Amino acid sequence: MPEQELSGMVKYQSLNGTENQNFLHEILSHVLLHSTFHRGQIVHMLRQLGLSELPATDYIVYTRMRAAGK
């Protein structure tokens, strides 16, 4: 994607109906950071359940396993 497009403004409506606008690069950053937050929550919950050897939560690991037929 050309850098110019990342600087573009995106207008959208939140689930509660509020009109918003953000630069595309801000939205992409939010999505990446938000997913990291939830991965941390998953690891925390698994540890609370007593698991010490946790499975990988990285998306790239998932795609590699899927490609290998696992």
PDB file of N, CA and C in Angstrom:
ATOM      1  N   MET A   1       0.843  -1.163   0.000  1.00  0.00           N
ATOM      2  CA  MET A   1       0.000   0.000   0.000  1.00  0.00           C
ATOM      3  C   MET A   1       0.898   1.240   0.000  1.00  0.00           C
ATOM      4  N   PRO A   2       0.625   2.171  -0.867  1.00  0.00           N
ATOM      5  CA  PRO A   2       1.422   3.399  -0.889  1.00  0.00           C
ATOM      6  C   PRO A   2       1.310   4.160   0.438  1.00  0.00           C
ATOM      7  N   GLU A   3       2.407   4.758   0.872  1.00  0.00           N
ATOM      8  CA  GLU A   3       2.427   5.493   2.139  1.00  0.00           C
ATOM      9  C   GLU A   3       1.353   6.575   2.184  1.00  0.00           C
ATOM     10  N   GLN A   4       1.056   7.161   1.054  1.00  0.00           N
ATOM     11  CA  GLN A   4       0.048   8.207   0.973  1.00  0.00           C
ATOM     12  C   GLN A   4      -1.323   7.698   1.432  1.00  0.00           C
ATOM     13  N   GLU A   5      -1.625   6.434   1.124  1.00  0.00           N
ATOM     14  CA  GLU A   5      -2.917   5.868   1.538  1.00  0.00           C
ATOM     15  C   GLU A   5      -2.984   5.672   3.050  1.00  0.00           C
ATOM     16  N   LEU A   6      -1.848   5.354   3.679  1.00  0.00           N
ATOM     17  CA  LEU A   6      -1.820   5.182   5.137  1.00  0.00           C
ATOM     18  C   LEU A   6      -2.116   6.488   5.857  1.00  0.00           C
ATOM     19  N   SER A   7      -1.863   7.599   5.194  1.00  0.00           N
ATOM     20  CA  SER A   7      -2.128   8.916   5.778  1.00  0.00           C
ATOM     21  C   SER A   7      -3.554   9.373   5.521  1.00  0.00           C
ATOM     22  N   GLY A   8      -4.333   8.539   4.833  1.00  0.00           N
ATOM     23  CA  GLY A   8      -5.710   8.903   4.514  1.00  0.00           C
ATOM     24  C   GLY A   8      -6.614   8.861   5.736  1.00  0.00           C
ATOM     25  N   MET A   9      -7.636   9.675   5.708  1.00  0.00           N
ATOM     26  CA  MET A   9      -8.606   9.741   6.797  1.00  0.00           C
ATOM     27  C   MET A   9      -9.737   8.749   6.513  1.00  0.00           C
ATOM     28  N   VAL A  10     -10.140   8.027   7.558  1.00  0.00           N
ATOM     29  CA  VAL A  10     -11.235   7.065   7.458  1.00  0.00           C
ATOM     30  C   VAL A  10     -12.350   7.537   8.383  1.00  0.00           C
ATOM     31  N   LYS A  11     -13.525   7.695   7.841  1.00  0.00           N
ATOM     32  CA  LYS A  11     -14.698   8.067   8.646  1.00  0.00           C
ATOM     33  C   LYS A  11     -15.503   6.802   8.908  1.00  0.00           C
ATOM     34  N   TYR A  12     -15.963   6.657  10.146  1.00  0.00           N
ATOM     35  CA  TYR A  12     -16.704   5.452  10.518  1.00  0.00           C
ATOM     36  C   TYR A  12     -17.624   5.761  11.685  1.00  0.00           C
ATOM     37  N   GLN A  13     -18.490   4.829  11.975  1.00  0.00           N
ATOM     38  CA  GLN A  13     -19.440   4.961  13.064  1.00  0.00           C
ATOM     39  C   GLN A  13     -19.159   3.869  14.090  1.00  0.00           C
ATOM     40  N   SER A  14     -19.008   4.251  15.360  1.00  0.00           N
ATOM     41  CA  SER A  14     -18.806   3.282  16.434  1.00  0.00           C
ATOM     42  C   SER A  14     -20.075   2.464  16.649  1.00  0.00           C
ATOM     43  N   LEU A  15     -19.958   1.384  17.379  1.00  0.00           N
ATOM     44  CA  LEU A  15     -21.126   0.543  17.651  1.00  0.00           C
ATOM     45  C   LEU A  15     -22.228   1.299  18.381  1.00  0.00           C
ATOM     46  N   ASN A  16     -21.845   2.320  19.160  1.00  0.00           N
ATOM     47  CA  ASN A  16     -22.859   3.109  19.872  1.00  0.00           C
ATOM     48  C   ASN A  16     -23.441   4.232  19.021  1.00  0.00           C
ATOM     49  N   GLY A  17     -23.019   4.312  17.741  1.00  0.00           N
ATOM     50  CA  GLY A  17     -23.574   5.290  16.822  1.00  0.00           C
ATOM     51  C   GLY A  17     -22.777   6.575  16.690  1.00  0.00           C
ATOM     52  N   THR A  18     -21.709   6.727  17.467  1.00  0.00           N
ATOM     53  CA  THR A  18     -20.891   7.933  17.400  1.00  0.00           C
ATOM     54  C   THR A  18     -20.101   7.980  16.104  1.00  0.00           C
ATOM     55  N   GLU A  19     -20.139   9.134  15.451  1.00  0.00           N
ATOM     56  CA  GLU A  19     -19.346   9.331  14.239  1.00  0.00           C
ATOM     57  C   GLU A  19     -17.903   9.614  14.636  1.00  0.00           C
ATOM     58  N   ASN A  20     -16.965   8.971  13.959  1.00  0.00           N
ATOM     59  CA  ASN A  20     -15.545   9.144  14.252  1.00  0.00           C
ATOM     60  C   ASN A  20     -14.763   9.258  12.955  1.00  0.00           C
ATOM     61  N   GLN A  21     -13.537   9.704  13.086  1.00  0.00           N
ATOM     62  CA  GLN A  21     -12.612   9.675  11.964  1.00  0.00           C
ATOM     63  C   GLN A  21     -11.196   9.578  12.506  1.00  0.00           C
ATOM     64  N   ASN A  22     -10.398   8.762  11.853  1.00  0.00           N
ATOM     65  CA  ASN A  22      -8.997   8.576  12.210  1.00  0.00           C
ATOM     66  C   ASN A  22      -8.203   8.330  10.947  1.00  0.00           C
ATOM     67  N   PHE A  23      -6.900   8.587  11.053  1.00  0.00           N
ATOM     68  CA  PHE A  23      -6.018   8.227   9.954  1.00  0.00           C
ATOM     69  C   PHE A  23      -5.930   6.703   9.884  1.00  0.00           C
ATOM     70  N   LEU A  24      -5.791   6.169   8.689  1.00  0.00           N
ATOM     71  CA  LEU A  24      -5.716   4.724   8.513  1.00  0.00           C
ATOM     72  C   LEU A  24      -4.567   4.126   9.321  1.00  0.00           C
ATOM     73  N   HIS A  25      -3.414   4.790   9.357  1.00  0.00           N
ATOM     74  CA  HIS A  25      -2.282   4.244  10.118  1.00  0.00           C
ATOM     75  C   HIS A  25      -2.592   4.170  11.613  1.00  0.00           C
ATOM     76  N   GLU A  26      -3.439   5.066  12.124  1.00  0.00           N
ATOM     77  CA  GLU A  26      -3.841   5.000  13.532  1.00  0.00           C
ATOM     78  C   GLU A  26      -4.746   3.793  13.784  1.00  0.00           C
ATOM     79  N   ILE A  27      -5.647   3.530  12.858  1.00  0.00           N
ATOM     80  CA  ILE A  27      -6.554   2.383  13.003  1.00  0.00           C
ATOM     81  C   ILE A  27      -5.772   1.080  12.950  1.00  0.00           C
ATOM     82  N   LEU A  28      -4.826   0.977  12.023  1.00  0.00           N
ATOM     83  CA  LEU A  28      -4.007  -0.233  11.920  1.00  0.00           C
ATOM     84  C   LEU A  28      -3.173  -0.440  13.178  1.00  0.00           C
ATOM     85  N   SER A  29      -2.613   0.627  13.718  1.00  0.00           N
ATOM     86  CA  SER A  29      -1.850   0.523  14.964  1.00  0.00           C
ATOM     87  C   SER A  29      -2.741   0.042  16.101  1.00  0.00           C
ATOM     88  N   HIS A  30      -3.946   0.577  16.175  1.00  0.00           N
ATOM     89  CA  HIS A  30      -4.894   0.167  17.214  1.00  0.00           C
ATOM     90  C   HIS A  30      -5.198  -1.330  17.120  1.00  0.00           C
ATOM     91  N   VAL A  31      -5.451  -1.810  15.926  1.00  0.00           N
ATOM     92  CA  VAL A  31      -5.781  -3.225  15.738  1.00  0.00           C
ATOM     93  C   VAL A  31      -4.625  -4.107  16.204  1.00  0.00           C
ATOM     94  N   LEU A  32      -3.411  -3.758  15.833  1.00  0.00           N
ATOM     95  CA  LEU A  32      -2.249  -4.551  16.242  1.00  0.00           C
ATOM     96  C   LEU A  32      -2.053  -4.526  17.754  1.00  0.00           C
ATOM     97  N   LEU A  33      -2.134  -3.354  18.354  1.00  0.00           N
ATOM     98  CA  LEU A  33      -1.941  -3.247  19.801  1.00  0.00           C
ATOM     99  C   LEU A  33      -3.069  -3.923  20.561  1.00  0.00           C
ATOM    100  N   HIS A  34      -4.284  -3.820  20.074  1.00  0.00           N
ATOM    101  CA  HIS A  34      -5.432  -4.438  20.746  1.00  0.00           C
ATOM    102  C   HIS A  34      -5.314  -5.961  20.738  1.00  0.00           C
ATOM    103  N   SER A  35      -4.854  -6.516  19.630  1.00  0.00           N
ATOM    104  CA  SER A  35      -4.698  -7.972  19.572  1.00  0.00           C
ATOM    105  C   SER A  35      -3.617  -8.444  20.545  1.00  0.00           C
ATOM    106  N   THR A  36      -2.569  -7.652  20.714  1.00  0.00           N
ATOM    107  CA  THR A  36      -1.525  -7.990  21.684  1.00  0.00           C
ATOM    108  C   THR A  36      -2.100  -8.014  23.099  1.00  0.00           C
ATOM    109  N   PHE A  37      -2.950  -7.057  23.403  1.00  0.00           N
ATOM    110  CA  PHE A  37      -3.603  -7.004  24.705  1.00  0.00           C
ATOM    111  C   PHE A  37      -4.384  -8.289  24.975  1.00  0.00           C
ATOM    112  N   HIS A  38      -5.170  -8.731  23.998  1.00  0.00           N
ATOM    113  CA  HIS A  38      -5.979  -9.941  24.192  1.00  0.00           C
ATOM    114  C   HIS A  38      -5.116 -11.198  24.278  1.00  0.00           C
ATOM    115  N   ARG A  39      -4.016 -11.252  23.546  1.00  0.00           N
ATOM    116  CA  ARG A  39      -3.108 -12.399  23.677  1.00  0.00           C
ATOM    117  C   ARG A  39      -2.568 -12.465  25.098  1.00  0.00           C
ATOM    118  N   GLY A  40      -2.250 -11.318  25.669  1.00  0.00           N
ATOM    119  CA  GLY A  40      -1.783 -11.280  27.060  1.00  0.00           C
ATOM    120  C   GLY A  40      -2.849 -11.758  28.022  1.00  0.00           C
ATOM    121  N   GLN A  41      -4.098 -11.387  27.764  1.00  0.00           N
ATOM    122  CA  GLN A  41      -5.199 -11.852  28.607  1.00  0.00           C
ATOM    123  C   GLN A  41      -5.324 -13.376  28.557  1.00  0.00           C
ATOM    124  N   ILE A  42      -5.193 -13.937  27.374  1.00  0.00           N
ATOM    125  CA  ILE A  42      -5.301 -15.390  27.213  1.00  0.00           C
ATOM    126  C   ILE A  42      -4.204 -16.085  28.009  1.00  0.00           C
ATOM    127  N   VAL A  43      -2.974 -15.607  27.880  1.00  0.00           N
ATOM    128  CA  VAL A  43      -1.850 -16.214  28.609  1.00  0.00           C
ATOM    129  C   VAL A  43      -2.087 -16.106  30.113  1.00  0.00           C
ATOM    130  N   HIS A  44      -2.545 -14.959  30.568  1.00  0.00           N
ATOM    131  CA  HIS A  44      -2.819 -14.762  31.992  1.00  0.00           C
ATOM    132  C   HIS A  44      -3.877 -15.747  32.495  1.00  0.00           C
ATOM    133  N   MET A  45      -4.960 -15.903  31.746  1.00  0.00           N
ATOM    134  CA  MET A  45      -6.023 -16.825  32.159  1.00  0.00           C
ATOM    135  C   MET A  45      -5.529 -18.272  32.180  1.00  0.00           C
ATOM    136  N   LEU A  46      -4.730 -18.663  31.199  1.00  0.00           N
ATOM    137  CA  LEU A  46      -4.207 -20.028  31.175  1.00  0.00           C
ATOM    138  C   LEU A  46      -3.289 -20.285  32.369  1.00  0.00           C
ATOM    139  N   ARG A  47      -2.499 -19.280  32.726  1.00  0.00           N
ATOM    140  CA  ARG A  47      -1.629 -19.426  33.908  1.00  0.00           C
ATOM    141  C   ARG A  47      -2.455 -19.534  35.183  1.00  0.00           C
ATOM    142  N   GLN A  48      -3.539 -18.774  35.270  1.00  0.00           N
ATOM    143  CA  GLN A  48      -4.415 -18.859  36.437  1.00  0.00           C
ATOM    144  C   GLN A  48      -5.038 -20.241  36.558  1.00  0.00           C
ATOM    145  N   LEU A  49      -5.216 -20.923  35.437  1.00  0.00           N
ATOM    146  CA  LEU A  49      -5.767 -22.275  35.439  1.00  0.00           C
ATOM    147  C   LEU A  49      -4.709 -23.321  35.759  1.00  0.00           C
ATOM    148  N   GLY A  50      -3.453 -22.879  35.951  1.00  0.00           N
ATOM    149  CA  GLY A  50      -2.400 -23.791  36.351  1.00  0.00           C
ATOM    150  C   GLY A  50      -1.519 -24.298  35.238  1.00  0.00           C
ATOM    151  N   LEU A  51      -1.715 -23.839  34.030  1.00  0.00           N
ATOM    152  CA  LEU A  51      -0.867 -24.282  32.929  1.00  0.00           C
ATOM    153  C   LEU A  51       0.474 -23.573  32.998  1.00  0.00           C
ATOM    154  N   SER A  52       1.544 -24.342  32.911  1.00  0.00           N
ATOM    155  CA  SER A  52       2.873 -23.737  32.941  1.00  0.00           C
ATOM    156  C   SER A  52       3.531 -23.778  31.565  1.00  0.00           C
ATOM    157  N   GLU A  53       3.206 -24.791  30.783  1.00  0.00           N
ATOM    158  CA  GLU A  53       3.715 -24.860  29.415  1.00  0.00           C
ATOM    159  C   GLU A  53       2.591 -24.402  28.494  1.00  0.00           C
ATOM    160  N   LEU A  54       2.692 -23.151  28.100  1.00  0.00           N
ATOM    161  CA  LEU A  54       1.611 -22.543  27.335  1.00  0.00           C
ATOM    162  C   LEU A  54       1.836 -22.692  25.834  1.00  0.00           C
ATOM    163  N   PRO A  55       0.758 -22.861  25.088  1.00  0.00           N
ATOM    164  CA  PRO A  55       0.884 -22.921  23.635  1.00  0.00           C
ATOM    165  C   PRO A  55       1.227 -21.535  23.081  1.00  0.00           C
ATOM    166  N   ALA A  56       1.828 -21.504  21.921  1.00  0.00           N
ATOM    167  CA  ALA A  56       2.139 -20.235  21.275  1.00  0.00           C
ATOM    168  C   ALA A  56       0.844 -19.514  20.921  1.00  0.00           C
ATOM    169  N   THR A  57       0.832 -18.220  21.112  1.00  0.00           N
ATOM    170  CA  THR A  57      -0.346 -17.432  20.749  1.00  0.00           C
ATOM    171  C   THR A  57      -0.060 -16.501  19.575  1.00  0.00           C
ATOM    172  N   ASP A  58       1.105 -16.638  18.969  1.00  0.00           N
ATOM    173  CA  ASP A  58       1.455 -15.802  17.821  1.00  0.00           C
ATOM    174  C   ASP A  58       0.721 -16.274  16.572  1.00  0.00           C
ATOM    175  N   TYR A  59       0.183 -15.331  15.829  1.00  0.00           N
ATOM    176  CA  TYR A  59      -0.534 -15.656  14.597  1.00  0.00           C
ATOM    177  C   TYR A  59       0.377 -16.350  13.589  1.00  0.00           C
ATOM    178  N   ILE A  60       1.628 -15.908  13.502  1.00  0.00           N
ATOM    179  CA  ILE A  60       2.541 -16.505  12.527  1.00  0.00           C
ATOM    180  C   ILE A  60       2.790 -17.974  12.849  1.00  0.00           C
ATOM    181  N   VAL A  61       2.831 -18.318  14.125  1.00  0.00           N
ATOM    182  CA  VAL A  61       2.988 -19.728  14.520  1.00  0.00           C
ATOM    183  C   VAL A  61       1.770 -20.519  14.061  1.00  0.00           C
ATOM    184  N   TYR A  62       0.594 -19.945  14.241  1.00  0.00           N
ATOM    185  CA  TYR A  62      -0.640 -20.588  13.783  1.00  0.00           C
ATOM    186  C   TYR A  62      -0.596 -20.849  12.281  1.00  0.00           C
ATOM    187  N   THR A  63      -0.176 -19.853  11.500  1.00  0.00           N
ATOM    188  CA  THR A  63      -0.158 -20.031  10.050  1.00  0.00           C
ATOM    189  C   THR A  63       0.849 -21.089   9.633  1.00  0.00           C
ATOM    190  N   ARG A  64       1.981 -21.156  10.337  1.00  0.00           N
ATOM    191  CA  ARG A  64       2.981 -22.191  10.025  1.00  0.00           C
ATOM    192  C   ARG A  64       2.445 -23.575  10.343  1.00  0.00           C
ATOM    193  N   MET A  65       1.780 -23.721  11.487  1.00  0.00           N
ATOM    194  CA  MET A  65       1.213 -25.013  11.869  1.00  0.00           C
ATOM    195  C   MET A  65       0.132 -25.428  10.884  1.00  0.00           C
ATOM    196  N   ARG A  66      -0.690 -24.465  10.485  1.00  0.00           N
ATOM    197  CA  ARG A  66      -1.757 -24.746   9.534  1.00  0.00           C
ATOM    198  C   ARG A  66      -1.190 -25.197   8.197  1.00  0.00           C
ATOM    199  N   ALA A  67      -0.131 -24.546   7.746  1.00  0.00           N
ATOM    200  CA  ALA A  67       0.514 -24.914   6.475  1.00  0.00           C
ATOM    201  C   ALA A  67       1.126 -26.302   6.560  1.00  0.00           C
ATOM    202  N   ALA A  68       1.564 -26.687   7.749  1.00  0.00           N
ATOM    203  CA  ALA A  68       2.161 -28.005   7.943  1.00  0.00           C
ATOM    204  C   ALA A  68       1.107 -29.078   8.179  1.00  0.00           C
ATOM    205  N   GLY A  69      -0.170 -28.677   8.203  1.00  0.00           N
ATOM    206  CA  GLY A  69      -1.248 -29.648   8.380  1.00  0.00           C
ATOM    207  C   GLY A  69      -1.449 -30.087   9.817  1.00  0.00           C
ATOM    208  N   LYS A  70      -1.018 -29.291  10.759  1.00  0.00           N
ATOM    209  CA  LYS A  70      -1.159 -29.644  12.187  1.00  0.00           C
ATOM    210  C   LYS A  70      -2.413 -29.067  12.769  1.00  0.00           C
TER     211      LYS A  70
END
